[in-house]
Each structure stands twice: as structure tokens, then as C-alpha cells.
């Protein structure tokens, strides 16, 4: 099975930027969830109340943990971008080096082509 992978040069940069923005938004959303649930606080009793209170007390830690996880993903995306760019540059340099050492004179090229066609 042949698989072709094509990606624009700026795809990982844009993905990293969007992920960084969404990381910041995620922490805000967790804090907003706690604020939105405030009216329900008096409704919970027993274990449900304890879980709610625990979540509320740990809101910052939860938000920071999620933000940290997404920051790690953003770092990984940045590393992938560097790897793709480096591989592209290395591939172009190898191609240039191979091309510069190739003999494209008509006589040598015709000899290679005619030698291949009789094989």
C-alpha cells in the first residue's frame, strides 16, 4: 500500500499557534465551569458534595495541569516542525550534492540510457 503524505510548510506552525491559544482557553473554561456550577453547590449532599468541593478546591491545579499537558503538546509540535524542516533541508542538500556530481553530458547520458534499454 503506497501512502503519500503532503503538508504545507506552515501547517505545524499554525497548529502550534492554535494549540497554544486553546491551551490558554482550556484553563479559562475549567474556571468558568466552576463558576457556572456555583448555584448547584447547595444541591449536592454526601459523596457528591465532597467531590464537588474537591473539584472546586483543585480548580487551579486542574486548569494548570491541563494547560501544562497542552503546553507539552505544543512543544512536541514545535519539535516536529524543526524535524520536518531539517529533513527537508537535508534532503535538498543531498539532492544538490548528488546532482552536482552527476555527469549530464549528452554522450554519457546516452550511453547510460542505451545501456539500460538493452538490459
PDB file of N, CA and C in Angstrom:
ATOM      1  N   UNK A   1       0.845  -1.165   0.000  1.00  0.00           N
ATOM      2  CA  UNK A   1       0.000   0.000   0.000  1.00  0.00           C
ATOM      3  C   UNK A   1       0.898   1.238   0.000  1.00  0.00           C
ATOM      4  N   UNK A   2       0.742   2.051  -1.019  1.00  0.00           N
ATOM      5  CA  UNK A   2       1.501   3.296  -1.082  1.00  0.00           C
ATOM      6  C   UNK A   2       0.711   4.398  -0.401  1.00  0.00           C
ATOM      7  N   UNK A   3       1.426   5.163   0.394  1.00  0.00           N
ATOM      8  CA  UNK A   3       0.778   6.267   1.076  1.00  0.00           C
ATOM      9  C   UNK A   3       1.616   7.504   0.827  1.00  0.00           C
ATOM     10  N   UNK A   4       0.956   8.560   0.446  1.00  0.00           N
ATOM     11  CA  UNK A   4       1.646   9.818   0.209  1.00  0.00           C
ATOM     12  C   UNK A   4       1.218  10.806   1.278  1.00  0.00           C
ATOM     13  N   UNK A   5       2.195  11.483   1.831  1.00  0.00           N
ATOM     14  CA  UNK A   5       1.930  12.469   2.871  1.00  0.00           C
ATOM     15  C   UNK A   5       2.407  13.818   2.369  1.00  0.00           C
ATOM     16  N   UNK A   6       1.510  14.762   2.298  1.00  0.00           N
ATOM     17  CA  UNK A   6       1.870  16.108   1.863  1.00  0.00           C
ATOM     18  C   UNK A   6       1.381  17.099   2.908  1.00  0.00           C
ATOM     19  N   UNK A   7       2.230  18.075   3.199  1.00  0.00           N
ATOM     20  CA  UNK A   7       1.881  19.058   4.214  1.00  0.00           C
ATOM     21  C   UNK A   7       2.483  20.391   3.795  1.00  0.00           C
ATOM     22  N   UNK A   8       1.705  21.446   3.968  1.00  0.00           N
ATOM     23  CA  UNK A   8       2.228  22.775   3.679  1.00  0.00           C
ATOM     24  C   UNK A   8       3.321  23.126   4.674  1.00  0.00           C
ATOM     25  N   UNK A   9       4.188  24.014   4.280  1.00  0.00           N
ATOM     26  CA  UNK A   9       5.329  24.379   5.118  1.00  0.00           C
ATOM     27  C   UNK A   9       4.913  24.968   6.459  1.00  0.00           C
ATOM     28  N   UNK A  10       3.828  25.687   6.507  1.00  0.00           N
ATOM     29  CA  UNK A  10       3.418  26.373   7.737  1.00  0.00           C
ATOM     30  C   UNK A  10       2.361  25.614   8.544  1.00  0.00           C
ATOM     31  N   UNK A  11       2.037  24.391   8.154  1.00  0.00           N
ATOM     32  CA  UNK A  11       0.968  23.650   8.828  1.00  0.00           C
ATOM     33  C   UNK A  11       1.260  23.444  10.308  1.00  0.00           C
ATOM     34  N   UNK A  12       2.448  22.974  10.635  1.00  0.00           N
ATOM     35  CA  UNK A  12       2.774  22.722  12.041  1.00  0.00           C
ATOM     36  C   UNK A  12       2.897  24.017  12.832  1.00  0.00           C
ATOM     37  N   UNK A  13       3.349  25.075  12.191  1.00  0.00           N
ATOM     38  CA  UNK A  13       3.428  26.370  12.880  1.00  0.00           C
ATOM     39  C   UNK A  13       2.026  26.823  13.268  1.00  0.00           C
ATOM     40  N   UNK A  14       1.086  26.742  12.301  1.00  0.00           N
ATOM     41  CA  UNK A  14      -0.297  27.149  12.598  1.00  0.00           C
ATOM     42  C   UNK A  14      -0.919  26.243  13.660  1.00  0.00           C
ATOM     43  N   UNK A  15      -0.663  24.939  13.567  1.00  0.00           N
ATOM     44  CA  UNK A  15      -1.196  24.012  14.560  1.00  0.00           C
ATOM     45  C   UNK A  15      -0.659  24.347  15.952  1.00  0.00           C
ATOM     46  N   UNK A  16       0.625  24.639  16.044  1.00  0.00           N
ATOM     47  CA  UNK A  16       1.219  25.008  17.325  1.00  0.00           C
ATOM     48  C   UNK A  16       0.622  26.283  17.889  1.00  0.00           C
ATOM     49  N   UNK A  17       0.398  27.262  17.030  1.00  0.00           N
ATOM     50  CA  UNK A  17      -0.188  28.527  17.478  1.00  0.00           C
ATOM     51  C   UNK A  17      -1.613  28.325  17.968  1.00  0.00           C
ATOM     52  N   UNK A  18      -2.397  27.545  17.218  1.00  0.00           N
ATOM     53  CA  UNK A  18      -3.783  27.292  17.626  1.00  0.00           C
ATOM     54  C   UNK A  18      -3.829  26.497  18.924  1.00  0.00           C
ATOM     55  N   UNK A  19      -2.939  25.512  19.054  1.00  0.00           N
ATOM     56  CA  UNK A  19      -2.925  24.693  20.269  1.00  0.00           C
ATOM     57  C   UNK A  19      -2.533  25.533  21.478  1.00  0.00           C
ATOM     58  N   UNK A  20      -1.593  26.456  21.303  1.00  0.00           N
ATOM     59  CA  UNK A  20      -1.186  27.326  22.413  1.00  0.00           C
ATOM     60  C   UNK A  20      -2.354  28.200  22.853  1.00  0.00           C
ATOM     61  N   UNK A  21      -3.088  28.739  21.886  1.00  0.00           N
ATOM     62  CA  UNK A  21      -4.253  29.563  22.207  1.00  0.00           C
ATOM     63  C   UNK A  21      -5.312  28.738  22.911  1.00  0.00           C
ATOM     64  N   UNK A  22      -5.549  27.530  22.404  1.00  0.00           N
ATOM     65  CA  UNK A  22      -6.561  26.673  23.016  1.00  0.00           C
ATOM     66  C   UNK A  22      -6.138  26.215  24.405  1.00  0.00           C
ATOM     67  N   UNK A  23      -4.841  26.109  24.641  1.00  0.00           N
ATOM     68  CA  UNK A  23      -4.344  25.753  25.965  1.00  0.00           C
ATOM     69  C   UNK A  23      -4.735  26.822  26.971  1.00  0.00           C
ATOM     70  N   UNK A  24      -4.560  28.064  26.591  1.00  0.00           N
ATOM     71  CA  UNK A  24      -4.939  29.168  27.476  1.00  0.00           C
ATOM     72  C   UNK A  24      -6.458  29.175  27.686  1.00  0.00           C
ATOM     73  N   UNK A  25      -7.202  28.917  26.610  1.00  0.00           N
ATOM     74  CA  UNK A  25      -8.663  28.895  26.695  1.00  0.00           C
ATOM     75  C   UNK A  25      -9.145  27.758  27.586  1.00  0.00           C
ATOM     76  N   UNK A  26      -8.467  26.627  27.586  1.00  0.00           N
ATOM     77  CA  UNK A  26      -8.896  25.474  28.361  1.00  0.00           C
ATOM     78  C   UNK A  26      -8.883  25.779  29.861  1.00  0.00           C
ATOM     79  N   UNK A  27      -7.830  26.414  30.328  1.00  0.00           N
ATOM     80  CA  UNK A  27      -7.773  26.797  31.742  1.00  0.00           C
ATOM     81  C   UNK A  27      -8.910  27.728  32.112  1.00  0.00           C
ATOM     82  N   UNK A  28      -9.218  28.662  31.233  1.00  0.00           N
ATOM     83  CA  UNK A  28     -10.324  29.593  31.463  1.00  0.00           C
ATOM     84  C   UNK A  28     -11.655  28.842  31.501  1.00  0.00           C
ATOM     85  N   UNK A  29     -11.804  27.863  30.620  1.00  0.00           N
ATOM     86  CA  UNK A  29     -13.047  27.088  30.593  1.00  0.00           C
ATOM     87  C   UNK A  29     -13.251  26.284  31.876  1.00  0.00           C
ATOM     88  N   UNK A  30     -12.180  25.719  32.421  1.00  0.00           N
ATOM     89  CA  UNK A  30     -12.298  24.965  33.674  1.00  0.00           C
ATOM     90  C   UNK A  30     -12.749  25.892  34.785  1.00  0.00           C
ATOM     91  N   UNK A  31     -12.162  27.064  34.842  1.00  0.00           N
ATOM     92  CA  UNK A  31     -12.558  28.027  35.877  1.00  0.00           C
ATOM     93  C   UNK A  31     -14.008  28.496  35.674  1.00  0.00           C
ATOM     94  N   UNK A  32     -14.405  28.658  34.411  1.00  0.00           N
ATOM     95  CA  UNK A  32     -15.783  29.055  34.108  1.00  0.00           C
ATOM     96  C   UNK A  32     -16.764  27.955  34.499  1.00  0.00           C
ATOM     97  N   UNK A  33     -16.353  26.704  34.354  1.00  0.00           N
ATOM     98  CA  UNK A  33     -17.210  25.583  34.747  1.00  0.00           C
ATOM     99  C   UNK A  33     -17.518  25.640  36.242  1.00  0.00           C
ATOM    100  N   UNK A  34     -16.502  25.920  37.034  1.00  0.00           N
ATOM    101  CA  UNK A  34     -16.714  26.008  38.480  1.00  0.00           C
ATOM    102  C   UNK A  34     -17.653  27.164  38.797  1.00  0.00           C
ATOM    103  N   UNK A  35     -17.457  28.289  38.150  1.00  0.00           N
ATOM    104  CA  UNK A  35     -18.334  29.439  38.395  1.00  0.00           C
ATOM    105  C   UNK A  35     -19.771  29.126  37.984  1.00  0.00           C
ATOM    106  N   UNK A  36     -19.926  28.447  36.854  1.00  0.00           N
ATOM    107  CA  UNK A  36     -21.268  28.108  36.372  1.00  0.00           C
ATOM    108  C   UNK A  36     -21.951  27.100  37.288  1.00  0.00           C
ATOM    109  N   UNK A  37     -21.175  26.261  37.950  1.00  0.00           N
ATOM    110  CA  UNK A  37     -21.746  25.230  38.829  1.00  0.00           C
ATOM    111  C   UNK A  37     -22.023  25.746  40.234  1.00  0.00           C
ATOM    112  N   UNK A  38     -21.598  26.948  40.552  1.00  0.00           N
ATOM    113  CA  UNK A  38     -21.813  27.512  41.892  1.00  0.00           C
ATOM    114  C   UNK A  38     -23.254  27.400  42.370  1.00  0.00           C
ATOM    115  N   UNK A  39     -24.243  27.717  41.518  1.00  0.00           N
ATOM    116  CA  UNK A  39     -25.633  27.621  42.003  1.00  0.00           C
ATOM    117  C   UNK A  39     -26.032  26.196  42.407  1.00  0.00           C
ATOM    118  N   UNK A  40     -25.333  25.201  41.920  1.00  0.00           N
ATOM    119  CA  UNK A  40     -25.654  23.815  42.253  1.00  0.00           C
ATOM    120  C   UNK A  40     -25.018  23.352  43.558  1.00  0.00           C
ATOM    121  N   UNK A  41     -24.132  24.146  44.091  1.00  0.00           N
ATOM    122  CA  UNK A  41     -23.374  23.725  45.270  1.00  0.00           C
ATOM    123  C   UNK A  41     -24.279  23.304  46.426  1.00  0.00           C
ATOM    124  N   UNK A  42     -25.357  24.006  46.660  1.00  0.00           N
ATOM    125  CA  UNK A  42     -26.257  23.684  47.757  1.00  0.00           C
ATOM    126  C   UNK A  42     -27.114  22.454  47.501  1.00  0.00           C
ATOM    127  N   UNK A  43     -27.151  21.993  46.251  1.00  0.00           N
ATOM    128  CA  UNK A  43     -27.985  20.848  45.887  1.00  0.00           C
ATOM    129  C   UNK A  43     -27.297  19.529  46.231  1.00  0.00           C
ATOM    130  N   UNK A  44     -25.986  19.525  46.202  1.00  0.00           N
ATOM    131  CA  UNK A  44     -25.236  18.289  46.447  1.00  0.00           C
ATOM    132  C   UNK A  44     -25.183  17.951  47.932  1.00  0.00           C
ATOM    133  N   UNK A  45     -25.234  16.668  48.229  1.00  0.00           N
ATOM    134  CA  UNK A  45     -25.076  16.170  49.594  1.00  0.00           C
ATOM    135  C   UNK A  45     -24.193  14.936  49.571  1.00  0.00           C
ATOM    136  N   UNK A  46     -23.628  14.617  50.694  1.00  0.00           N
ATOM    137  CA  UNK A  46     -22.849  13.393  50.837  1.00  0.00           C
ATOM    138  C   UNK A  46     -21.634  13.337  49.926  1.00  0.00           C
ATOM    139  N   UNK A  47     -21.387  12.171  49.315  1.00  0.00           N
ATOM    140  CA  UNK A  47     -20.201  11.994  48.471  1.00  0.00           C
ATOM    141  C   UNK A  47     -20.169  12.937  47.273  1.00  0.00           C
ATOM    142  N   UNK A  48     -21.337  13.236  46.712  1.00  0.00           N
ATOM    143  CA  UNK A  48     -21.375  14.158  45.571  1.00  0.00           C
ATOM    144  C   UNK A  48     -20.893  15.544  45.990  1.00  0.00           C
ATOM    145  N   UNK A  49     -21.282  15.974  47.153  1.00  0.00           N
ATOM    146  CA  UNK A  49     -20.856  17.284  47.676  1.00  0.00           C
ATOM    147  C   UNK A  49     -19.345  17.290  47.911  1.00  0.00           C
ATOM    148  N   UNK A  50     -18.856  16.202  48.478  1.00  0.00           N
ATOM    149  CA  UNK A  50     -17.410  16.108  48.726  1.00  0.00           C
ATOM    150  C   UNK A  50     -16.631  16.170  47.414  1.00  0.00           C
ATOM    151  N   UNK A  51     -17.119  15.478  46.377  1.00  0.00           N
ATOM    152  CA  UNK A  51     -16.443  15.508  45.064  1.00  0.00           C
ATOM    153  C   UNK A  51     -16.484  16.900  44.461  1.00  0.00           C
ATOM    154  N   UNK A  52     -17.639  17.545  44.562  1.00  0.00           N
ATOM    155  CA  UNK A  52     -17.770  18.893  44.026  1.00  0.00           C
ATOM    156  C   UNK A  52     -16.820  19.848  44.744  1.00  0.00           C
ATOM    157  N   UNK A  53     -16.812  19.784  46.068  1.00  0.00           N
ATOM    158  CA  UNK A  53     -15.919  20.650  46.843  1.00  0.00           C
ATOM    159  C   UNK A  53     -14.460  20.383  46.506  1.00  0.00           C
ATOM    160  N   UNK A  54     -14.124  19.120  46.332  1.00  0.00           N
ATOM    161  CA  UNK A  54     -12.755  18.751  45.977  1.00  0.00           C
ATOM    162  C   UNK A  54     -12.380  19.335  44.605  1.00  0.00           C
ATOM    163  N   UNK A  55     -13.293  19.202  43.648  1.00  0.00           N
ATOM    164  CA  UNK A  55     -13.052  19.762  42.320  1.00  0.00           C
ATOM    165  C   UNK A  55     -12.875  21.274  42.404  1.00  0.00           C
ATOM    166  N   UNK A  56     -13.750  21.914  43.163  1.00  0.00           N
ATOM    167  CA  UNK A  56     -13.699  23.371  43.301  1.00  0.00           C
ATOM    168  C   UNK A  56     -12.377  23.817  43.939  1.00  0.00           C
ATOM    169  N   UNK A  57     -11.942  23.094  44.963  1.00  0.00           N
ATOM    170  CA  UNK A  57     -10.686  23.448  45.641  1.00  0.00           C
ATOM    171  C   UNK A  57      -9.475  23.232  44.737  1.00  0.00           C
ATOM    172  N   UNK A  58      -9.595  22.296  43.824  1.00  0.00           N
ATOM    173  CA  UNK A  58      -8.466  21.957  42.953  1.00  0.00           C
ATOM    174  C   UNK A  58      -8.578  22.544  41.556  1.00  0.00           C
ATOM    175  N   UNK A  59      -9.468  23.503  41.387  1.00  0.00           N
ATOM    176  CA  UNK A  59      -9.689  24.086  40.062  1.00  0.00           C
ATOM    177  C   UNK A  59      -8.389  24.596  39.445  1.00  0.00           C
ATOM    178  N   UNK A  60      -7.621  25.352  40.208  1.00  0.00           N
ATOM    179  CA  UNK A  60      -6.381  25.902  39.661  1.00  0.00           C
ATOM    180  C   UNK A  60      -5.405  24.799  39.289  1.00  0.00           C
ATOM    181  N   UNK A  61      -5.290  23.781  40.135  1.00  0.00           N
ATOM    182  CA  UNK A  61      -4.380  22.668  39.826  1.00  0.00           C
ATOM    183  C   UNK A  61      -4.842  21.912  38.588  1.00  0.00           C
ATOM    184  N   UNK A  62      -6.148  21.709  38.471  1.00  0.00           N
ATOM    185  CA  UNK A  62      -6.692  21.022  37.293  1.00  0.00           C
ATOM    186  C   UNK A  62      -6.436  21.850  36.039  1.00  0.00           C
ATOM    187  N   UNK A  63      -6.743  23.143  36.105  1.00  0.00           N
ATOM    188  CA  UNK A  63      -6.524  24.025  34.955  1.00  0.00           C
ATOM    189  C   UNK A  63      -5.048  24.082  34.585  1.00  0.00           C
ATOM    190  N   UNK A  64      -4.196  24.199  35.598  1.00  0.00           N
ATOM    191  CA  UNK A  64      -2.752  24.249  35.321  1.00  0.00           C
ATOM    192  C   UNK A  64      -2.243  22.929  34.746  1.00  0.00           C
ATOM    193  N   UNK A  65      -2.787  21.808  35.243  1.00  0.00           N
ATOM    194  CA  UNK A  65      -2.395  20.507  34.710  1.00  0.00           C
ATOM    195  C   UNK A  65      -2.780  20.348  33.249  1.00  0.00           C
ATOM    196  N   UNK A  66      -3.999  20.758  32.925  1.00  0.00           N
ATOM    197  CA  UNK A  66      -4.444  20.699  31.527  1.00  0.00           C
ATOM    198  C   UNK A  66      -3.626  21.644  30.652  1.00  0.00           C
ATOM    199  N   UNK A  67      -3.376  22.848  31.160  1.00  0.00           N
ATOM    200  CA  UNK A  67      -2.554  23.791  30.405  1.00  0.00           C
ATOM    201  C   UNK A  67      -1.142  23.248  30.197  1.00  0.00           C
ATOM    202  N   UNK A  68      -0.596  22.614  31.236  1.00  0.00           N
ATOM    203  CA  UNK A  68       0.740  22.026  31.116  1.00  0.00           C
ATOM    204  C   UNK A  68       0.776  20.903  30.104  1.00  0.00           C
ATOM    205  N   UNK A  69      -0.268  20.079  30.094  1.00  0.00           N
ATOM    206  CA  UNK A  69      -0.322  18.985  29.117  1.00  0.00           C
ATOM    207  C   UNK A  69      -0.380  19.528  27.701  1.00  0.00           C
ATOM    208  N   UNK A  70      -1.206  20.541  27.495  1.00  0.00           N
ATOM    209  CA  UNK A  70      -1.280  21.123  26.154  1.00  0.00           C
ATOM    210  C   UNK A  70       0.006  21.858  25.791  1.00  0.00           C
ATOM    211  N   UNK A  71       0.661  22.450  26.780  1.00  0.00           N
ATOM    212  CA  UNK A  71       1.951  23.099  26.512  1.00  0.00           C
ATOM    213  C   UNK A  71       2.967  22.056  26.057  1.00  0.00           C
ATOM    214  N   UNK A  72       2.904  20.856  26.642  1.00  0.00           N
ATOM    215  CA  UNK A  72       3.775  19.767  26.199  1.00  0.00           C
ATOM    216  C   UNK A  72       3.485  19.365  24.768  1.00  0.00           C
ATOM    217  N   UNK A  73       2.206  19.351  24.413  1.00  0.00           N
ATOM    218  CA  UNK A  73       1.827  19.032  23.030  1.00  0.00           C
ATOM    219  C   UNK A  73       2.344  20.109  22.085  1.00  0.00           C
ATOM    220  N   UNK A  74       2.217  21.368  22.496  1.00  0.00           N
ATOM    221  CA  UNK A  74       2.723  22.469  21.668  1.00  0.00           C
ATOM    222  C   UNK A  74       4.238  22.333  21.480  1.00  0.00           C
ATOM    223  N   UNK A  75       4.939  21.954  22.548  1.00  0.00           N
ATOM    224  CA  UNK A  75       6.384  21.733  22.436  1.00  0.00           C
ATOM    225  C   UNK A  75       6.703  20.597  21.478  1.00  0.00           C
ATOM    226  N   UNK A  76       5.910  19.544  21.518  1.00  0.00           N
ATOM    227  CA  UNK A  76       6.115  18.420  20.603  1.00  0.00           C
ATOM    228  C   UNK A  76       5.859  18.840  19.160  1.00  0.00           C
ATOM    229  N   UNK A  77       4.838  19.648  18.951  1.00  0.00           N
ATOM    230  CA  UNK A  77       4.541  20.143  17.603  1.00  0.00           C
ATOM    231  C   UNK A  77       5.705  20.982  17.099  1.00  0.00           C
ATOM    232  N   UNK A  78       6.256  21.812  17.963  1.00  0.00           N
ATOM    233  CA  UNK A  78       7.410  22.633  17.586  1.00  0.00           C
ATOM    234  C   UNK A  78       8.601  21.749  17.207  1.00  0.00           C
ATOM    235  N   UNK A  79       8.819  20.696  17.990  1.00  0.00           N
ATOM    236  CA  UNK A  79       9.903  19.754  17.679  1.00  0.00           C
ATOM    237  C   UNK A  79       9.685  19.055  16.357  1.00  0.00           C
ATOM    238  N   UNK A  80       8.441  18.681  16.068  1.00  0.00           N
ATOM    239  CA  UNK A  80       8.138  18.056  14.782  1.00  0.00           C
ATOM    240  C   UNK A  80       8.403  19.028  13.649  1.00  0.00           C
ATOM    241  N   UNK A  81       8.028  20.281  13.845  1.00  0.00           N
ATOM    242  CA  UNK A  81       8.255  21.280  12.806  1.00  0.00           C
ATOM    243  C   UNK A  81       9.747  21.425  12.513  1.00  0.00           C
ATOM    244  N   UNK A  82      10.545  21.473  13.569  1.00  0.00           N
ATOM    245  CA  UNK A  82      12.003  21.571  13.384  1.00  0.00           C
ATOM    246  C   UNK A  82      12.522  20.344  12.642  1.00  0.00           C
ATOM    247  N   UNK A  83      12.032  19.157  13.024  1.00  0.00           N
ATOM    248  CA  UNK A  83      12.480  17.923  12.374  1.00  0.00           C
ATOM    249  C   UNK A  83      12.094  17.904  10.899  1.00  0.00           C
ATOM    250  N   UNK A  84      10.858  18.286  10.578  1.00  0.00           N
ATOM    251  CA  UNK A  84      10.431  18.305   9.180  1.00  0.00           C
ATOM    252  C   UNK A  84      11.254  19.298   8.368  1.00  0.00           C
ATOM    253  N   UNK A  85      11.472  20.492   8.923  1.00  0.00           N
ATOM    254  CA  UNK A  85      12.255  21.498   8.201  1.00  0.00           C
ATOM    255  C   UNK A  85      13.697  21.037   7.995  1.00  0.00           C
ATOM    256  N   UNK A  86      14.289  20.458   9.030  1.00  0.00           N
ATOM    257  CA  UNK A  86      15.664  19.973   8.927  1.00  0.00           C
ATOM    258  C   UNK A  86      15.759  18.856   7.904  1.00  0.00           C
ATOM    259  N   UNK A  87      14.798  17.934   7.925  1.00  0.00           N
ATOM    260  CA  UNK A  87      14.811  16.828   6.958  1.00  0.00           C
ATOM    261  C   UNK A  87      14.649  17.353   5.542  1.00  0.00           C
ATOM    262  N   UNK A  88      13.799  18.333   5.352  1.00  0.00           N
ATOM    263  CA  UNK A  88      13.623  18.922   4.027  1.00  0.00           C
ATOM    264  C   UNK A  88      14.892  19.597   3.537  1.00  0.00           C
ATOM    265  N   UNK A  89      15.537  20.326   4.428  1.00  0.00           N
ATOM    266  CA  UNK A  89      16.786  20.998   4.062  1.00  0.00           C
ATOM    267  C   UNK A  89      17.894  19.973   3.782  1.00  0.00           C
ATOM    268  N   UNK A  90      17.966  18.931   4.618  1.00  0.00           N
ATOM    269  CA  UNK A  90      18.969  17.887   4.406  1.00  0.00           C
ATOM    270  C   UNK A  90      18.721  17.149   3.096  1.00  0.00           C
ATOM    271  N   UNK A  91      17.450  16.870   2.800  1.00  0.00           N
ATOM    272  CA  UNK A  91      17.110  16.203   1.546  1.00  0.00           C
ATOM    273  C   UNK A  91      17.474  17.057   0.344  1.00  0.00           C
ATOM    274  N   UNK A  92      17.203  18.349   0.416  1.00  0.00           N
ATOM    275  CA  UNK A  92      17.551  19.252  -0.686  1.00  0.00           C
ATOM    276  C   UNK A  92      19.068  19.330  -0.857  1.00  0.00           C
ATOM    277  N   UNK A  93      19.794  19.377   0.264  1.00  0.00           N
ATOM    278  CA  UNK A  93      21.261  19.431   0.191  1.00  0.00           C
ATOM    279  C   UNK A  93      21.814  18.146  -0.416  1.00  0.00           C
ATOM    280  N   UNK A  94      21.246  16.994  -0.039  1.00  0.00           N
ATOM    281  CA  UNK A  94      21.708  15.719  -0.603  1.00  0.00           C
ATOM    282  C   UNK A  94      21.408  15.655  -2.089  1.00  0.00           C
ATOM    283  N   UNK A  95      20.256  16.149  -2.476  1.00  0.00           N
ATOM    284  CA  UNK A  95      19.897  16.181  -3.903  1.00  0.00           C
ATOM    285  C   UNK A  95      20.862  17.074  -4.670  1.00  0.00           C
ATOM    286  N   UNK A  96      21.129  18.252  -4.127  1.00  0.00           N
ATOM    287  CA  UNK A  96      22.053  19.178  -4.781  1.00  0.00           C
ATOM    288  C   UNK A  96      23.446  18.566  -4.909  1.00  0.00           C
ATOM    289  N   UNK A  97      23.899  17.900  -3.850  1.00  0.00           N
ATOM    290  CA  UNK A  97      25.226  17.273  -3.881  1.00  0.00           C
ATOM    291  C   UNK A  97      25.262  16.160  -4.923  1.00  0.00           C
ATOM    292  N   UNK A  98      24.210  15.365  -4.985  1.00  0.00           N
ATOM    293  CA  UNK A  98      24.164  14.291  -5.982  1.00  0.00           C
ATOM    294  C   UNK A  98      24.075  14.827  -7.387  1.00  0.00           C
ATOM    295  N   UNK A  99      23.319  15.872  -7.561  1.00  0.00           N
ATOM    296  CA  UNK A  99      23.162  16.460  -8.886  1.00  0.00           C
ATOM    297  C   UNK A  99      24.464  17.103  -9.358  1.00  0.00           C
ATOM    298  N   UNK A 100      25.196  17.728  -8.442  1.00  0.00           N
ATOM    299  CA  UNK A 100      26.430  18.396  -8.841  1.00  0.00           C
ATOM    300  C   UNK A 100      27.512  17.395  -9.235  1.00  0.00           C
ATOM    301  N   UNK A 101      27.434  16.169  -8.721  1.00  0.00           N
ATOM    302  CA  UNK A 101      28.443  15.172  -9.078  1.00  0.00           C
ATOM    303  C   UNK A 101      28.010  14.310 -10.263  1.00  0.00           C
ATOM    304  N   UNK A 102      26.775  14.499 -10.731  1.00  0.00           N
ATOM    305  CA  UNK A 102      26.295  13.696 -11.866  1.00  0.00           C
ATOM    306  C   UNK A 102      26.822  14.267 -13.172  1.00  0.00           C
ATOM    307  N   UNK A 103      27.072  13.376 -14.115  1.00  0.00           N
ATOM    308  CA  UNK A 103      27.539  13.779 -15.438  1.00  0.00           C
ATOM    309  C   UNK A 103      26.337  13.796 -16.371  1.00  0.00           C
ATOM    310  N   UNK A 104      25.905  14.991 -16.728  1.00  0.00           N
ATOM    311  CA  UNK A 104      24.745  15.128 -17.594  1.00  0.00           C
ATOM    312  C   UNK A 104      25.149  15.444 -19.033  1.00  0.00           C
ATOM    313  N   UNK A 105      26.394  15.202 -19.380  1.00  0.00           N
ATOM    314  CA  UNK A 105      26.794  15.447 -20.770  1.00  0.00           C
ATOM    315  C   UNK A 105      26.029  14.476 -21.659  1.00  0.00           C
ATOM    316  N   UNK A 106      25.741  14.899 -22.857  1.00  0.00           N
ATOM    317  CA  UNK A 106      24.880  14.105 -23.731  1.00  0.00           C
ATOM    318  C   UNK A 106      25.478  12.733 -24.039  1.00  0.00           C
ATOM    319  N   UNK A 107      26.764  12.655 -24.208  1.00  0.00           N
ATOM    320  CA  UNK A 107      27.394  11.379 -24.546  1.00  0.00           C
ATOM    321  C   UNK A 107      27.274  10.371 -23.398  1.00  0.00           C
ATOM    322  N   UNK A 108      27.559  10.804 -22.189  1.00  0.00           N
ATOM    323  CA  UNK A 108      27.481   9.912 -21.041  1.00  0.00           C
ATOM    324  C   UNK A 108      26.032   9.521 -20.750  1.00  0.00           C
ATOM    325  N   UNK A 109      25.111  10.478 -20.899  1.00  0.00           N
ATOM    326  CA  UNK A 109      23.703  10.188 -20.649  1.00  0.00           C
ATOM    327  C   UNK A 109      23.173   9.198 -21.673  1.00  0.00           C
ATOM    328  N   UNK A 110      23.502   9.405 -22.950  1.00  0.00           N
ATOM    329  CA  UNK A 110      23.049   8.476 -23.992  1.00  0.00           C
ATOM    330  C   UNK A 110      23.635   7.091 -23.781  1.00  0.00           C
ATOM    331  N   UNK A 111      24.869   7.020 -23.318  1.00  0.00           N
ATOM    332  CA  UNK A 111      25.493   5.719 -23.061  1.00  0.00           C
ATOM    333  C   UNK A 111      24.765   5.001 -21.927  1.00  0.00           C
ATOM    334  N   UNK A 112      24.397   5.736 -20.898  1.00  0.00           N
ATOM    335  CA  UNK A 112      23.675   5.113 -19.782  1.00  0.00           C
ATOM    336  C   UNK A 112      22.285   4.662 -20.213  1.00  0.00           C
ATOM    337  N   UNK A 113      21.599   5.494 -20.990  1.00  0.00           N
ATOM    338  CA  UNK A 113      20.248   5.157 -21.405  1.00  0.00           C
ATOM    339  C   UNK A 113      20.263   3.963 -22.349  1.00  0.00           C
ATOM    340  N   UNK A 114      21.158   3.975 -23.308  1.00  0.00           N
ATOM    341  CA  UNK A 114      21.203   2.859 -24.254  1.00  0.00           C
ATOM    342  C   UNK A 114      21.672   1.587 -23.561  1.00  0.00           C
ATOM    343  N   UNK A 115      22.525   1.703 -22.555  1.00  0.00           N
ATOM    344  CA  UNK A 115      22.954   0.541 -21.796  1.00  0.00           C
ATOM    345  C   UNK A 115      21.820  -0.050 -20.981  1.00  0.00           C
ATOM    346  N   UNK A 116      20.937   0.778 -20.469  1.00  0.00           N
ATOM    347  CA  UNK A 116      19.809   0.309 -19.677  1.00  0.00           C
ATOM    348  C   UNK A 116      18.748  -0.319 -20.555  1.00  0.00           C
ATOM    349  N   UNK A 117      18.549   0.230 -21.748  1.00  0.00           N
ATOM    350  CA  UNK A 117      17.476  -0.287 -22.583  1.00  0.00           C
ATOM    351  C   UNK A 117      17.799  -1.657 -23.149  1.00  0.00           C
ATOM    352  N   UNK A 118      19.086  -2.003 -23.271  1.00  0.00           N
ATOM    353  CA  UNK A 118      19.446  -3.321 -23.797  1.00  0.00           C
ATOM    354  C   UNK A 118      19.483  -4.367 -22.699  1.00  0.00           C
ATOM    355  N   UNK A 119      19.369  -3.976 -21.440  1.00  0.00           N
ATOM    356  CA  UNK A 119      19.441  -4.926 -20.342  1.00  0.00           C
ATOM    357  C   UNK A 119      18.161  -5.673 -20.128  1.00  0.00           C
TER     358      UNK A 119
END
